[in-house]
């Protein structure tokens, strides 16, 4: 094997290894999000976004968009399972979900105008506030 072919083969193997590792990390993030979603009703913002940023180096906006797309699958399946247990109030979900779409439009518009660091700090503040609220209950 020529030196060039050897280098290309090593790079391909390394790239394949990195791709496989990344896939395993994404699967682990998805599993954690599903577990938290099933137990606590959360997953995207509190699990997927931080792990994508901290573990895989996503930027905040990419992590948010990726998380939101993943949540479509998580929420649909989790809702069906919760409905099977009799824990779903569909009309209440609609009353929350429909106006939430307007909030998404406003929030996305705002997010695109904030610095990445500001987004991280605001997100951290929301998580800390939620943790304090849970501790005080």
Protein backbone atom coordinates (compact mmCIF):
# COMPACT_ATOMS: atom_id res chain seq x y z
CA UNK A 1 0.00 0.00 0.00
CA UNK A 2 1.38 3.40 -0.94
CA UNK A 3 2.01 6.00 1.80
CA UNK A 4 -0.80 8.18 0.43
CA UNK A 5 -3.25 5.27 0.37
CA UNK A 6 -2.24 4.38 3.94
CA UNK A 7 -2.86 7.95 5.16
CA UNK A 8 -6.24 8.07 3.39
CA UNK A 9 -7.22 4.70 4.87
CA UNK A 10 -6.24 5.88 8.36
CA UNK A 11 -8.22 9.10 7.94
CA UNK A 12 -11.24 7.16 6.70
CA UNK A 13 -11.03 4.81 9.69
CA UNK A 14 -10.66 7.74 12.07
CA UNK A 15 -13.60 9.50 10.44
CA UNK A 16 -15.67 6.34 10.67
CA UNK A 17 -14.72 5.92 14.34
CA UNK A 18 -15.67 9.54 15.06
CA UNK A 19 -18.97 9.11 13.22
CA UNK A 20 -19.77 5.97 15.18
CA UNK A 21 -18.83 7.69 18.47
CA UNK A 22 -21.00 10.69 17.61
CA UNK A 23 -23.92 8.41 16.77
CA UNK A 24 -23.54 6.62 20.11
CA UNK A 25 -23.43 9.96 21.93
CA UNK A 26 -26.59 11.13 20.16
CA UNK A 27 -28.30 7.84 21.09
CA UNK A 28 -27.26 8.34 24.73
CA UNK A 29 -28.64 11.90 24.70
CA UNK A 30 -31.90 10.66 23.19
CA UNK A 31 -32.20 7.90 25.75
CA UNK A 32 -31.62 10.34 28.62
CA UNK A 33 -34.17 12.75 27.14
CA UNK A 34 -36.74 9.98 26.76
CA UNK A 35 -36.17 8.80 30.32
CA UNK A 36 -36.52 12.32 31.74
CA UNK A 37 -39.53 12.98 29.52
CA UNK A 38 -41.27 9.83 30.71
CA UNK A 39 -40.54 10.42 34.39
CA UNK A 40 -40.72 14.21 34.70
CA UNK A 41 -42.40 15.45 31.49
CA UNK A 42 -39.22 17.26 30.42
CA UNK A 43 -36.43 16.39 28.05
CA UNK A 44 -35.70 18.87 25.32
CA UNK A 45 -34.70 22.06 26.98
CA UNK A 46 -33.46 20.58 30.20
CA UNK A 47 -31.64 17.51 28.84
CA UNK A 48 -31.03 17.60 25.09
CA UNK A 49 -29.94 21.23 24.73
CA UNK A 50 -27.35 21.21 27.55
CA UNK A 51 -25.91 17.86 26.45
CA UNK A 52 -25.66 18.91 22.80
CA UNK A 53 -23.85 22.09 23.86
CA UNK A 54 -21.59 20.59 26.53
CA UNK A 55 -20.97 17.12 25.14
CA UNK A 56 -21.05 17.59 21.37
CA UNK A 57 -20.07 21.24 21.07
CA UNK A 58 -23.24 22.49 19.37
CA UNK A 59 -23.92 26.21 19.35
CA UNK A 60 -26.97 27.23 21.39
CA UNK A 61 -29.15 27.93 18.35
CA UNK A 62 -28.27 24.61 16.68
CA UNK A 63 -28.89 22.73 19.91
CA UNK A 64 -32.28 24.41 20.33
CA UNK A 65 -33.39 23.68 16.76
CA UNK A 66 -32.16 20.08 16.92
CA UNK A 67 -33.85 19.56 20.28
CA UNK A 68 -37.15 20.94 19.04
CA UNK A 69 -37.12 18.59 16.06
CA UNK A 70 -36.33 15.62 18.31
CA UNK A 71 -39.10 16.60 20.73
CA UNK A 72 -41.69 16.06 17.99
CA UNK A 73 -40.98 12.32 18.18
CA UNK A 74 -40.56 12.21 21.95
CA UNK A 75 -43.74 14.19 22.63
CA UNK A 76 -45.87 12.20 20.18
CA UNK A 77 -44.85 8.84 21.61
CA UNK A 78 -44.93 10.01 25.23
CA UNK A 79 -48.39 11.54 24.74
CA UNK A 80 -49.72 8.29 23.30
CA UNK A 81 -48.32 6.27 26.21
CA UNK A 82 -49.63 8.77 28.78
CA UNK A 83 -53.04 8.68 27.07
CA UNK A 84 -53.04 4.89 27.36
CA UNK A 85 -52.58 5.33 31.13
CA UNK A 86 -55.41 7.87 31.22
CA UNK A 87 -53.12 10.79 32.08
CA UNK A 88 -53.84 13.02 29.08
CA UNK A 89 -56.23 15.97 29.10
CA UNK A 90 -56.41 16.63 25.38
CA UNK A 91 -58.45 19.85 25.48
CA UNK A 92 -56.09 21.31 28.08
CA UNK A 93 -53.15 20.31 25.89
CA UNK A 94 -54.73 22.12 22.94
CA UNK A 95 -55.43 25.18 25.12
CA UNK A 96 -51.72 25.25 26.02
CA UNK A 97 -50.31 24.20 22.65
CA UNK A 98 -52.11 26.58 20.32
CA UNK A 99 -51.00 29.80 22.03
CA UNK A 100 -47.56 28.27 22.58
CA UNK A 101 -47.03 28.41 18.83
CA UNK A 102 -47.25 32.20 19.05
CA UNK A 103 -44.77 32.12 21.90
CA UNK A 104 -42.43 30.02 19.76
CA UNK A 105 -42.51 32.61 17.00
CA UNK A 106 -41.74 35.44 19.42
CA UNK A 107 -39.10 33.41 21.29
CA UNK A 108 -37.33 32.35 18.10
CA UNK A 109 -37.33 35.93 16.83
CA UNK A 110 -35.83 37.07 20.13
CA UNK A 111 -33.28 34.23 20.25
CA UNK A 112 -31.93 35.20 16.83
CA UNK A 113 -31.19 38.69 18.17
CA UNK A 114 -29.40 37.65 21.38
CA UNK A 115 -25.73 36.79 21.71
CA UNK A 116 -25.03 33.09 22.28
CA UNK A 117 -23.59 33.81 25.72
CA UNK A 118 -26.78 35.67 26.70
CA UNK A 119 -28.88 32.71 25.65
CA UNK A 120 -26.77 30.37 27.80
CA UNK A 121 -26.98 32.67 30.83
CA UNK A 122 -30.75 33.11 30.50
CA UNK A 123 -31.19 29.38 30.12
CA UNK A 124 -29.03 28.72 33.19
CA UNK A 125 -31.06 31.26 35.16
CA UNK A 126 -34.32 29.51 34.21
CA UNK A 127 -32.91 26.12 35.27
CA UNK A 128 -31.65 27.53 38.59
CA UNK A 129 -35.01 29.20 39.25
CA UNK A 130 -36.82 25.93 38.51
CA UNK A 131 -34.45 24.03 40.82
CA UNK A 132 -34.97 26.53 43.63
CA UNK A 133 -38.75 26.34 43.16
CA UNK A 134 -38.64 22.53 43.37
CA UNK A 135 -36.48 22.63 46.48
CA UNK A 136 -38.81 25.07 48.23
CA UNK A 137 -41.95 23.03 47.57
